[in-house]
Amino acid sequence: MSIKKQILKNKIIVKVTFEISKEEAQDAAMIYLLSEHNDWQELELKKFKNGKFKIAQNISLEERKGFQFIYKAISETGEQSMILPDDADDYVDNGMNDGGKNAVLQLAE
């Protein structure tokens, strides 16, 4: 998995690119980003011919310095699973009483 952060010139915006390789996607048909930065609404990652998934989001530093997120994968048969990235800045309890975690991404120090 790959998370890239780029502060855009003359702006207080961070472009964050989320990418999941074909191997990490484990034959998922669709992958969604679920995130605090957009009230946990599903954002579908684009699936490329080589099997990787990717999405980029512009996030205002005025509104937040970081956020929680996780990926939801859906298989061809409709089975759902959560994917916790291995390259997040931190991890926190997801509050669901299942022992699960959310990833945390820091945008600014």
PDB file of N, CA and C in Angstrom:
ATOM      1  N   MET A   1       0.843  -1.173   0.000  1.00  0.00           N
ATOM      2  CA  MET A   1       0.000   0.000   0.000  1.00  0.00           C
ATOM      3  C   MET A   1       0.881   1.226   0.000  1.00  0.00           C
ATOM      4  N   SER A   2       0.322   2.275  -0.520  1.00  0.00           N
ATOM      5  CA  SER A   2       1.092   3.500  -0.623  1.00  0.00           C
ATOM      6  C   SER A   2       0.182   4.683  -0.320  1.00  0.00           C
ATOM      7  N   ILE A   3       0.679   5.587   0.504  1.00  0.00           N
ATOM      8  CA  ILE A   3      -0.012   6.840   0.785  1.00  0.00           C
ATOM      9  C   ILE A   3       0.987   7.959   0.517  1.00  0.00           C
ATOM     10  N   LYS A   4       0.625   8.856  -0.391  1.00  0.00           N
ATOM     11  CA  LYS A   4       1.507   9.974  -0.716  1.00  0.00           C
ATOM     12  C   LYS A   4       0.813  11.272  -0.333  1.00  0.00           C
ATOM     13  N   LYS A   5       1.559  12.162   0.338  1.00  0.00           N
ATOM     14  CA  LYS A   5       1.035  13.467   0.738  1.00  0.00           C
ATOM     15  C   LYS A   5       1.829  14.544   0.017  1.00  0.00           C
ATOM     16  N   GLN A   6       1.125  15.477  -0.621  1.00  0.00           N
ATOM     17  CA  GLN A   6       1.779  16.568  -1.346  1.00  0.00           C
ATOM     18  C   GLN A   6       1.064  17.868  -1.000  1.00  0.00           C
ATOM     19  N   ILE A   7       1.786  18.805  -0.376  1.00  0.00           N
ATOM     20  CA  ILE A   7       1.218  20.119  -0.096  1.00  0.00           C
ATOM     21  C   ILE A   7       1.264  20.921  -1.383  1.00  0.00           C
ATOM     22  N   LEU A   8       0.112  21.409  -1.798  1.00  0.00           N
ATOM     23  CA  LEU A   8       0.031  22.145  -3.046  1.00  0.00           C
ATOM     24  C   LEU A   8       0.516  23.580  -2.842  1.00  0.00           C
ATOM     25  N   LYS A   9       1.265  24.096  -3.812  1.00  0.00           N
ATOM     26  CA  LYS A   9       1.869  25.437  -3.718  1.00  0.00           C
ATOM     27  C   LYS A   9       0.817  26.521  -3.486  1.00  0.00           C
ATOM     28  N   ASN A  10       1.180  27.487  -2.648  1.00  0.00           N
ATOM     29  CA  ASN A  10       0.351  28.661  -2.365  1.00  0.00           C
ATOM     30  C   ASN A  10      -1.049  28.314  -1.854  1.00  0.00           C
ATOM     31  N   LYS A  11      -1.213  27.108  -1.359  1.00  0.00           N
ATOM     32  CA  LYS A  11      -2.523  26.699  -0.863  1.00  0.00           C
ATOM     33  C   LYS A  11      -2.343  26.017   0.476  1.00  0.00           C
ATOM     34  N   ILE A  12      -3.404  25.915   1.173  1.00  0.00           N
ATOM     35  CA  ILE A  12      -3.382  25.162   2.427  1.00  0.00           C
ATOM     36  C   ILE A  12      -4.156  23.866   2.211  1.00  0.00           C
ATOM     37  N   ILE A  13      -3.805  23.232   1.114  1.00  0.00           N
ATOM     38  CA  ILE A  13      -4.423  21.981   0.697  1.00  0.00           C
ATOM     39  C   ILE A  13      -3.336  20.914   0.608  1.00  0.00           C
ATOM     40  N   VAL A  14      -3.674  19.716   1.080  1.00  0.00           N
ATOM     41  CA  VAL A  14      -2.783  18.571   0.923  1.00  0.00           C
ATOM     42  C   VAL A  14      -3.460  17.596  -0.026  1.00  0.00           C
ATOM     43  N   LYS A  15      -2.758  17.243  -1.095  1.00  0.00           N
ATOM     44  CA  LYS A  15      -3.249  16.208  -2.006  1.00  0.00           C
ATOM     45  C   LYS A  15      -2.752  14.880  -1.460  1.00  0.00           C
ATOM     46  N   VAL A  16      -3.703  14.007  -1.096  1.00  0.00           N
ATOM     47  CA  VAL A  16      -3.358  12.700  -0.554  1.00  0.00           C
ATOM     48  C   VAL A  16      -3.770  11.647  -1.575  1.00  0.00           C
ATOM     49  N   THR A  17      -2.814  10.818  -1.979  1.00  0.00           N
ATOM     50  CA  THR A  17      -3.070   9.745  -2.938  1.00  0.00           C
ATOM     51  C   THR A  17      -2.971   8.414  -2.214  1.00  0.00           C
ATOM     52  N   PHE A  18      -4.040   7.634  -2.292  1.00  0.00           N
ATOM     53  CA  PHE A  18      -4.113   6.309  -1.677  1.00  0.00           C
ATOM     54  C   PHE A  18      -4.014   5.281  -2.796  1.00  0.00           C
ATOM     55  N   GLU A  19      -3.125   4.306  -2.635  1.00  0.00           N
ATOM     56  CA  GLU A  19      -2.926   3.297  -3.675  1.00  0.00           C
ATOM     57  C   GLU A  19      -2.786   1.921  -3.037  1.00  0.00           C
ATOM     58  N   ILE A  20      -3.437   0.938  -3.645  1.00  0.00           N
ATOM     59  CA  ILE A  20      -3.374  -0.445  -3.173  1.00  0.00           C
ATOM     60  C   ILE A  20      -2.960  -1.313  -4.359  1.00  0.00           C
ATOM     61  N   SER A  21      -1.913  -2.106  -4.184  1.00  0.00           N
ATOM     62  CA  SER A  21      -1.428  -2.964  -5.272  1.00  0.00           C
ATOM     63  C   SER A  21      -2.384  -4.130  -5.509  1.00  0.00           C
ATOM     64  N   LYS A  22      -2.223  -4.786  -6.639  1.00  0.00           N
ATOM     65  CA  LYS A  22      -3.047  -5.941  -6.990  1.00  0.00           C
ATOM     66  C   LYS A  22      -2.917  -7.026  -5.926  1.00  0.00           C
ATOM     67  N   GLU A  23      -1.705  -7.264  -5.445  1.00  0.00           N
ATOM     68  CA  GLU A  23      -1.477  -8.301  -4.435  1.00  0.00           C
ATOM     69  C   GLU A  23      -2.169  -7.951  -3.119  1.00  0.00           C
ATOM     70  N   GLU A  24      -2.078  -6.697  -2.720  1.00  0.00           N
ATOM     71  CA  GLU A  24      -2.696  -6.261  -1.468  1.00  0.00           C
ATOM     72  C   GLU A  24      -4.227  -6.258  -1.559  1.00  0.00           C
ATOM     73  N   ALA A  25      -4.754  -6.051  -2.766  1.00  0.00           N
ATOM     74  CA  ALA A  25      -6.204  -6.025  -2.973  1.00  0.00           C
ATOM     75  C   ALA A  25      -6.814  -7.422  -2.882  1.00  0.00           C
ATOM     76  N   GLN A  26      -6.002  -8.446  -3.028  1.00  0.00           N
ATOM     77  CA  GLN A  26      -6.433  -9.846  -2.895  1.00  0.00           C
ATOM     78  C   GLN A  26      -7.695 -10.146  -3.700  1.00  0.00           C
ATOM     79  N   ASP A  27      -7.655  -9.883  -4.982  1.00  0.00           N
ATOM     80  CA  ASP A  27      -8.751 -10.193  -5.904  1.00  0.00           C
ATOM     81  C   ASP A  27     -10.042  -9.431  -5.628  1.00  0.00           C
ATOM     82  N   ALA A  28      -9.958  -8.265  -5.002  1.00  0.00           N
ATOM     83  CA  ALA A  28     -11.149  -7.452  -4.773  1.00  0.00           C
ATOM     84  C   ALA A  28     -11.687  -6.939  -6.110  1.00  0.00           C
ATOM     85  N   ALA A  29     -13.004  -6.885  -6.219  1.00  0.00           N
ATOM     86  CA  ALA A  29     -13.631  -6.316  -7.405  1.00  0.00           C
ATOM     87  C   ALA A  29     -13.737  -4.802  -7.260  1.00  0.00           C
ATOM     88  N   MET A  30     -13.960  -4.345  -6.005  1.00  0.00           N
ATOM     89  CA  MET A  30     -14.078  -2.916  -5.710  1.00  0.00           C
ATOM     90  C   MET A  30     -13.430  -2.643  -4.352  1.00  0.00           C
ATOM     91  N   ILE A  31     -12.868  -1.467  -4.215  1.00  0.00           N
ATOM     92  CA  ILE A  31     -12.330  -1.029  -2.924  1.00  0.00           C
ATOM     93  C   ILE A  31     -12.799   0.402  -2.694  1.00  0.00           C
ATOM     94  N   TYR A  32     -13.237   0.643  -1.473  1.00  0.00           N
ATOM     95  CA  TYR A  32     -13.707   1.976  -1.079  1.00  0.00           C
ATOM     96  C   TYR A  32     -12.829   2.516   0.038  1.00  0.00           C
ATOM     97  N   LEU A  33     -12.613   3.819   0.020  1.00  0.00           N
ATOM     98  CA  LEU A  33     -11.967   4.534   1.115  1.00  0.00           C
ATOM     99  C   LEU A  33     -13.076   5.039   2.025  1.00  0.00           C
ATOM    100  N   LEU A  34     -13.010   4.680   3.303  1.00  0.00           N
ATOM    101  CA  LEU A  34     -13.933   5.192   4.307  1.00  0.00           C
ATOM    102  C   LEU A  34     -13.106   6.088   5.208  1.00  0.00           C
ATOM    103  N   SER A  35     -13.537   7.339   5.379  1.00  0.00           N
ATOM    104  CA  SER A  35     -12.676   8.301   6.051  1.00  0.00           C
ATOM    105  C   SER A  35     -13.455   9.361   6.822  1.00  0.00           C
ATOM    106  N   GLU A  36     -12.838   9.805   7.900  1.00  0.00           N
ATOM    107  CA  GLU A  36     -13.376  10.911   8.686  1.00  0.00           C
ATOM    108  C   GLU A  36     -13.453  12.199   7.872  1.00  0.00           C
ATOM    109  N   HIS A  37     -12.521  12.378   6.937  1.00  0.00           N
ATOM    110  CA  HIS A  37     -12.456  13.655   6.214  1.00  0.00           C
ATOM    111  C   HIS A  37     -13.698  13.925   5.368  1.00  0.00           C
ATOM    112  N   ASN A  38     -14.508  12.897   5.089  1.00  0.00           N
ATOM    113  CA  ASN A  38     -15.745  13.119   4.340  1.00  0.00           C
ATOM    114  C   ASN A  38     -16.934  12.431   5.022  1.00  0.00           C
ATOM    115  N   ASP A  39     -16.899  12.421   6.364  1.00  0.00           N
ATOM    116  CA  ASP A  39     -17.990  11.855   7.176  1.00  0.00           C
ATOM    117  C   ASP A  39     -18.248  10.382   6.879  1.00  0.00           C
ATOM    118  N   TRP A  40     -17.192   9.624   6.599  1.00  0.00           N
ATOM    119  CA  TRP A  40     -17.239   8.174   6.417  1.00  0.00           C
ATOM    120  C   TRP A  40     -18.071   7.737   5.209  1.00  0.00           C
ATOM    121  N   GLN A  41     -18.255   8.625   4.249  1.00  0.00           N
ATOM    122  CA  GLN A  41     -18.943   8.250   3.015  1.00  0.00           C
ATOM    123  C   GLN A  41     -17.981   7.445   2.140  1.00  0.00           C
ATOM    124  N   GLU A  42     -18.489   6.426   1.465  1.00  0.00           N
ATOM    125  CA  GLU A  42     -17.643   5.578   0.622  1.00  0.00           C
ATOM    126  C   GLU A  42     -17.152   6.347  -0.599  1.00  0.00           C
ATOM    127  N   LEU A  43     -15.844   6.299  -0.815  1.00  0.00           N
ATOM    128  CA  LEU A  43     -15.231   6.853  -2.019  1.00  0.00           C
ATOM    129  C   LEU A  43     -14.579   5.690  -2.758  1.00  0.00           C
ATOM    130  N   GLU A  44     -15.048   5.406  -3.960  1.00  0.00           N
ATOM    131  CA  GLU A  44     -14.546   4.251  -4.704  1.00  0.00           C
ATOM    132  C   GLU A  44     -13.181   4.541  -5.316  1.00  0.00           C
ATOM    133  N   LEU A  45     -12.232   3.640  -5.070  1.00  0.00           N
ATOM    134  CA  LEU A  45     -10.927   3.732  -5.702  1.00  0.00           C
ATOM    135  C   LEU A  45     -11.063   3.236  -7.132  1.00  0.00           C
ATOM    136  N   LYS A  46     -10.344   3.868  -8.037  1.00  0.00           N
ATOM    137  CA  LYS A  46     -10.354   3.448  -9.442  1.00  0.00           C
ATOM    138  C   LYS A  46      -9.487   2.208  -9.584  1.00  0.00           C
ATOM    139  N   LYS A  47     -10.028   1.210 -10.281  1.00  0.00           N
ATOM    140  CA  LYS A  47      -9.267  -0.013 -10.541  1.00  0.00           C
ATOM    141  C   LYS A  47      -8.626   0.099 -11.919  1.00  0.00           C
ATOM    142  N   PHE A  48      -7.310  -0.113 -11.955  1.00  0.00           N
ATOM    143  CA  PHE A  48      -6.556  -0.030 -13.206  1.00  0.00           C
ATOM    144  C   PHE A  48      -6.392  -1.411 -13.830  1.00  0.00           C
ATOM    145  N   LYS A  49      -6.031  -1.454 -15.112  1.00  0.00           N
ATOM    146  CA  LYS A  49      -5.870  -2.722 -15.830  1.00  0.00           C
ATOM    147  C   LYS A  49      -4.848  -3.638 -15.184  1.00  0.00           C
ATOM    148  N   ASN A  50      -3.838  -3.052 -14.530  1.00  0.00           N
ATOM    149  CA  ASN A  50      -2.799  -3.877 -13.888  1.00  0.00           C
ATOM    150  C   ASN A  50      -3.251  -4.409 -12.526  1.00  0.00           C
ATOM    151  N   GLY A  51      -4.499  -4.102 -12.130  1.00  0.00           N
ATOM    152  CA  GLY A  51      -5.056  -4.648 -10.898  1.00  0.00           C
ATOM    153  C   GLY A  51      -4.913  -3.764  -9.670  1.00  0.00           C
ATOM    154  N   LYS A  52      -4.183  -2.656  -9.785  1.00  0.00           N
ATOM    155  CA  LYS A  52      -4.053  -1.782  -8.618  1.00  0.00           C
ATOM    156  C   LYS A  52      -5.251  -0.848  -8.527  1.00  0.00           C
ATOM    157  N   PHE A  53      -5.470  -0.316  -7.328  1.00  0.00           N
ATOM    158  CA  PHE A  53      -6.556   0.621  -7.052  1.00  0.00           C
ATOM    159  C   PHE A  53      -5.947   1.932  -6.582  1.00  0.00           C
ATOM    160  N   LYS A  54      -6.611   3.070  -6.938  1.00  0.00           N
ATOM    161  CA  LYS A  54      -6.026   4.361  -6.581  1.00  0.00           C
ATOM    162  C   LYS A  54      -7.109   5.436  -6.505  1.00  0.00           C
ATOM    163  N   ILE A  55      -6.910   6.385  -5.575  1.00  0.00           N
ATOM    164  CA  ILE A  55      -7.764   7.566  -5.477  1.00  0.00           C
ATOM    165  C   ILE A  55      -6.933   8.701  -4.891  1.00  0.00           C
ATOM    166  N   ALA A  56      -7.214   9.924  -5.321  1.00  0.00           N
ATOM    167  CA  ALA A  56      -6.547  11.112  -4.774  1.00  0.00           C
ATOM    168  C   ALA A  56      -7.618  12.045  -4.219  1.00  0.00           C
ATOM    169  N   GLN A  57      -7.313  12.657  -3.080  1.00  0.00           N
ATOM    170  CA  GLN A  57      -8.230  13.581  -2.423  1.00  0.00           C
ATOM    171  C   GLN A  57      -7.487  14.851  -2.039  1.00  0.00           C
ATOM    172  N   ASN A  58      -8.088  16.005  -2.261  1.00  0.00           N
ATOM    173  CA  ASN A  58      -7.542  17.279  -1.800  1.00  0.00           C
ATOM    174  C   ASN A  58      -8.206  17.618  -0.477  1.00  0.00           C
ATOM    175  N   ILE A  59      -7.398  17.799   0.563  1.00  0.00           N
ATOM    176  CA  ILE A  59      -7.912  18.004   1.909  1.00  0.00           C
ATOM    177  C   ILE A  59      -7.356  19.302   2.477  1.00  0.00           C
ATOM    178  N   SER A  60      -8.242  20.137   3.008  1.00  0.00           N
ATOM    179  CA  SER A  60      -7.867  21.442   3.536  1.00  0.00           C
ATOM    180  C   SER A  60      -7.181  21.314   4.891  1.00  0.00           C
ATOM    181  N   LEU A  61      -6.022  21.949   5.023  1.00  0.00           N
ATOM    182  CA  LEU A  61      -5.331  21.986   6.316  1.00  0.00           C
ATOM    183  C   LEU A  61      -6.044  22.906   7.293  1.00  0.00           C
ATOM    184  N   GLU A  62      -6.883  23.804   6.799  1.00  0.00           N
ATOM    185  CA  GLU A  62      -7.659  24.670   7.683  1.00  0.00           C
ATOM    186  C   GLU A  62      -8.720  23.877   8.424  1.00  0.00           C
ATOM    187  N   GLU A  63      -9.243  22.857   7.784  1.00  0.00           N
ATOM    188  CA  GLU A  63     -10.323  22.063   8.369  1.00  0.00           C
ATOM    189  C   GLU A  63      -9.828  20.943   9.273  1.00  0.00           C
ATOM    190  N   ARG A  64      -8.660  20.388   8.984  1.00  0.00           N
ATOM    191  CA  ARG A  64      -8.163  19.254   9.793  1.00  0.00           C
ATOM    192  C   ARG A  64      -6.665  19.083   9.630  1.00  0.00           C
ATOM    193  N   LYS A  65      -6.046  18.551  10.667  1.00  0.00           N
ATOM    194  CA  LYS A  65      -4.606  18.276  10.662  1.00  0.00           C
ATOM    195  C   LYS A  65      -4.328  16.783  10.478  1.00  0.00           C
ATOM    196  N   GLY A  66      -5.389  15.992  10.521  1.00  0.00           N
ATOM    197  CA  GLY A  66      -5.265  14.555  10.346  1.00  0.00           C
ATOM    198  C   GLY A  66      -6.651  13.926  10.381  1.00  0.00           C
ATOM    199  N   PHE A  67      -6.726  12.627  10.074  1.00  0.00           N
ATOM    200  CA  PHE A  67      -8.020  11.944  10.081  1.00  0.00           C
ATOM    201  C   PHE A  67      -7.833  10.432  10.141  1.00  0.00           C
ATOM    202  N   GLN A  68      -8.906   9.748  10.564  1.00  0.00           N
ATOM    203  CA  GLN A  68      -8.942   8.284  10.577  1.00  0.00           C
ATOM    204  C   GLN A  68      -9.496   7.793   9.247  1.00  0.00           C
ATOM    205  N   PHE A  69      -9.063   6.583   8.857  1.00  0.00           N
ATOM    206  CA  PHE A  69      -9.581   5.988   7.625  1.00  0.00           C
ATOM    207  C   PHE A  69      -9.345   4.483   7.624  1.00  0.00           C
ATOM    208  N   ILE A  70     -10.023   3.801   6.722  1.00  0.00           N
ATOM    209  CA  ILE A  70      -9.846   2.371   6.499  1.00  0.00           C
ATOM    210  C   ILE A  70     -10.376   2.076   5.090  1.00  0.00           C
ATOM    211  N   TYR A  71      -9.995   0.937   4.525  1.00  0.00           N
ATOM    212  CA  TYR A  71     -10.487   0.534   3.211  1.00  0.00           C
ATOM    213  C   TYR A  71     -11.509  -0.586   3.374  1.00  0.00           C
ATOM    214  N   LYS A  72     -12.533  -0.570   2.522  1.00  0.00           N
ATOM    215  CA  LYS A  72     -13.504  -1.676   2.463  1.00  0.00           C
ATOM    216  C   LYS A  72     -13.374  -2.323   1.091  1.00  0.00           C
ATOM    217  N   ALA A  73     -13.112  -3.621   1.091  1.00  0.00           N
ATOM    218  CA  ALA A  73     -12.972  -4.372  -0.162  1.00  0.00           C
ATOM    219  C   ALA A  73     -14.214  -5.237  -0.367  1.00  0.00           C
ATOM    220  N   ILE A  74     -14.634  -5.338  -1.621  1.00  0.00           N
ATOM    221  CA  ILE A  74     -15.764  -6.181  -1.980  1.00  0.00           C
ATOM    222  C   ILE A  74     -15.305  -7.135  -3.079  1.00  0.00           C
ATOM    223  N   SER A  75     -15.503  -8.439  -2.836  1.00  0.00           N
ATOM    224  CA  SER A  75     -15.078  -9.457  -3.797  1.00  0.00           C
ATOM    225  C   SER A  75     -16.100  -9.580  -4.924  1.00  0.00           C
ATOM    226  N   GLU A  76     -15.767 -10.360  -5.937  1.00  0.00           N
ATOM    227  CA  GLU A  76     -16.677 -10.622  -7.055  1.00  0.00           C
ATOM    228  C   GLU A  76     -17.977 -11.257  -6.579  1.00  0.00           C
ATOM    229  N   THR A  77     -17.918 -12.013  -5.470  1.00  0.00           N
ATOM    230  CA  THR A  77     -19.112 -12.689  -4.933  1.00  0.00           C
ATOM    231  C   THR A  77     -19.892 -11.812  -3.951  1.00  0.00           C
ATOM    232  N   GLY A  78     -19.408 -10.591  -3.719  1.00  0.00           N
ATOM    233  CA  GLY A  78     -20.108  -9.672  -2.838  1.00  0.00           C
ATOM    234  C   GLY A  78     -19.658  -9.699  -1.388  1.00  0.00           C
ATOM    235  N   GLU A  79     -18.685 -10.543  -1.064  1.00  0.00           N
ATOM    236  CA  GLU A  79     -18.176 -10.593   0.310  1.00  0.00           C
ATOM    237  C   GLU A  79     -17.411  -9.312   0.621  1.00  0.00           C
ATOM    238  N   GLN A  80     -17.639  -8.778   1.826  1.00  0.00           N
ATOM    239  CA  GLN A  80     -16.976  -7.548   2.238  1.00  0.00           C
ATOM    240  C   GLN A  80     -15.922  -7.839   3.287  1.00  0.00           C
ATOM    241  N   SER A  81     -14.817  -7.108   3.221  1.00  0.00           N
ATOM    242  CA  SER A  81     -13.774  -7.208   4.245  1.00  0.00           C
ATOM    243  C   SER A  81     -13.115  -5.843   4.379  1.00  0.00           C
ATOM    244  N   MET A  82     -12.536  -5.611   5.533  1.00  0.00           N
ATOM    245  CA  MET A  82     -11.850  -4.351   5.775  1.00  0.00           C
ATOM    246  C   MET A  82     -10.348  -4.573   5.588  1.00  0.00           C
ATOM    247  N   ILE A  83      -9.681  -3.583   5.012  1.00  0.00           N
ATOM    248  CA  ILE A  83      -8.235  -3.639   4.816  1.00  0.00           C
ATOM    249  C   ILE A  83      -7.625  -2.490   5.611  1.00  0.00           C
ATOM    250  N   LEU A  84      -6.772  -2.827   6.547  1.00  0.00           N
ATOM    251  CA  LEU A  84      -6.069  -1.827   7.340  1.00  0.00           C
ATOM    252  C   LEU A  84      -4.706  -1.594   6.699  1.00  0.00           C
ATOM    253  N   PRO A  85      -4.410  -0.373   6.272  1.00  0.00           N
ATOM    254  CA  PRO A  85      -3.123  -0.130   5.610  1.00  0.00           C
ATOM    255  C   PRO A  85      -1.954  -0.337   6.561  1.00  0.00           C
ATOM    256  N   ASP A  86      -0.831  -0.743   6.011  1.00  0.00           N
ATOM    257  CA  ASP A  86       0.357  -0.986   6.836  1.00  0.00           C
ATOM    258  C   ASP A  86       1.291   0.222   6.888  1.00  0.00           C
ATOM    259  N   ASP A  87       0.923   1.313   6.222  1.00  0.00           N
ATOM    260  CA  ASP A  87       1.809   2.473   6.164  1.00  0.00           C
ATOM    261  C   ASP A  87       1.170   3.749   6.720  1.00  0.00           C
ATOM    262  N   ALA A  88       0.219   3.612   7.633  1.00  0.00           N
ATOM    263  CA  ALA A  88      -0.420   4.780   8.255  1.00  0.00           C
ATOM    264  C   ALA A  88       0.523   5.392   9.288  1.00  0.00           C
ATOM    265  N   ASP A  89       0.215   6.617   9.701  1.00  0.00           N
ATOM    266  CA  ASP A  89       1.023   7.296  10.714  1.00  0.00           C
ATOM    267  C   ASP A  89       0.758   6.756  12.114  1.00  0.00           C
ATOM    268  N   ASP A  90      -0.453   6.222  12.332  1.00  0.00           N
ATOM    269  CA  ASP A  90      -0.822   5.679  13.632  1.00  0.00           C
ATOM    270  C   ASP A  90      -2.061   4.813  13.449  1.00  0.00           C
ATOM    271  N   TYR A  91      -2.490   4.140  14.529  1.00  0.00           N
ATOM    272  CA  TYR A  91      -3.687   3.308  14.517  1.00  0.00           C
ATOM    273  C   TYR A  91      -4.450   3.545  15.812  1.00  0.00           C
ATOM    274  N   VAL A  92      -5.791   3.552  15.733  1.00  0.00           N
ATOM    275  CA  VAL A  92      -6.630   3.754  16.908  1.00  0.00           C
ATOM    276  C   VAL A  92      -7.762   2.729  16.891  1.00  0.00           C
ATOM    277  N   ASP A  93      -8.310   2.463  18.066  1.00  0.00           N
ATOM    278  CA  ASP A  93      -9.460   1.573  18.186  1.00  0.00           C
ATOM    279  C   ASP A  93     -10.619   2.151  17.381  1.00  0.00           C
ATOM    280  N   ASN A  94     -11.342   1.299  16.659  1.00  0.00           N
ATOM    281  CA  ASN A  94     -12.428   1.801  15.815  1.00  0.00           C
ATOM    282  C   ASN A  94     -13.725   2.041  16.578  1.00  0.00           C
ATOM    283  N   GLY A  95     -13.747   1.711  17.874  1.00  0.00           N
ATOM    284  CA  GLY A  95     -14.921   1.968  18.694  1.00  0.00           C
ATOM    285  C   GLY A  95     -16.088   1.037  18.446  1.00  0.00           C
ATOM    286  N   MET A  96     -15.863  -0.054  17.746  1.00  0.00           N
ATOM    287  CA  MET A  96     -16.953  -0.962  17.382  1.00  0.00           C
ATOM    288  C   MET A  96     -17.036  -2.203  18.275  1.00  0.00           C
ATOM    289  N   ASN A  97     -16.281  -2.270  19.351  1.00  0.00           N
ATOM    290  CA  ASN A  97     -16.277  -3.417  20.269  1.00  0.00           C
ATOM    291  C   ASN A  97     -15.898  -4.728  19.595  1.00  0.00           C
ATOM    292  N   ASP A  98     -15.191  -4.650  18.476  1.00  0.00           N
ATOM    293  CA  ASP A  98     -14.748  -5.864  17.796  1.00  0.00           C
ATOM    294  C   ASP A  98     -13.226  -5.999  17.813  1.00  0.00           C
ATOM    295  N   GLY A  99     -12.570  -5.078  18.518  1.00  0.00           N
ATOM    296  CA  GLY A  99     -11.115  -5.112  18.576  1.00  0.00           C
ATOM    297  C   GLY A  99     -10.440  -4.559  17.336  1.00  0.00           C
ATOM    298  N   GLY A 100     -11.240  -4.045  16.393  1.00  0.00           N
ATOM    299  CA  GLY A 100     -10.684  -3.528  15.147  1.00  0.00           C
ATOM    300  C   GLY A 100     -10.040  -2.182  15.298  1.00  0.00           C
ATOM    301  N   LYS A 101      -9.278  -1.820  14.303  1.00  0.00           N
ATOM    302  CA  LYS A 101      -8.529  -0.558  14.307  1.00  0.00           C
ATOM    303  C   LYS A 101      -8.869   0.249  13.069  1.00  0.00           C
ATOM    304  N   ASN A 102      -8.681   1.554  13.181  1.00  0.00           N
ATOM    305  CA  ASN A 102      -8.673   2.474  12.043  1.00  0.00           C
ATOM    306  C   ASN A 102      -7.273   3.010  11.894  1.00  0.00           C
ATOM    307  N   ALA A 103      -6.892   3.319  10.693  1.00  0.00           N
ATOM    308  CA  ALA A 103      -5.607   3.961  10.434  1.00  0.00           C
ATOM    309  C   ALA A 103      -5.761   5.461  10.663  1.00  0.00           C
ATOM    310  N   VAL A 104      -4.673   6.125  11.021  1.00  0.00           N
ATOM    311  CA  VAL A 104      -4.660   7.572  11.207  1.00  0.00           C
ATOM    312  C   VAL A 104      -3.609   8.158  10.277  1.00  0.00           C
ATOM    313  N   LEU A 105      -3.986   9.213   9.570  1.00  0.00           N
ATOM    314  CA  LEU A 105      -3.072   9.923   8.686  1.00  0.00           C
ATOM    315  C   LEU A 105      -2.921  11.344   9.204  1.00  0.00           C
ATOM    316  N   GLN A 106      -1.686  11.756   9.492  1.00  0.00           N
ATOM    317  CA  GLN A 106      -1.396  13.119   9.927  1.00  0.00           C
ATOM    318  C   GLN A 106      -1.048  13.955   8.696  1.00  0.00           C
ATOM    319  N   LEU A 107      -1.706  15.080   8.543  1.00  0.00           N
ATOM    320  CA  LEU A 107      -1.443  15.963   7.414  1.00  0.00           C
ATOM    321  C   LEU A 107      -0.438  17.034   7.739  1.00  0.00           C
ATOM    322  N   ALA A 108      -0.401  17.464   9.005  1.00  0.00           N
ATOM    323  CA  ALA A 108       0.507  18.523   9.432  1.00  0.00           C
ATOM    324  C   ALA A 108       1.059  18.185  10.802  1.00  0.00           C
ATOM    325  N   GLU A 109       2.246  18.693  11.071  1.00  0.00           N
ATOM    326  CA  GLU A 109       2.880  18.456  12.372  1.00  0.00           C
ATOM    327  C   GLU A 109       2.252  19.318  13.431  1.00  0.00           C
TER     328      GLU A 109
END
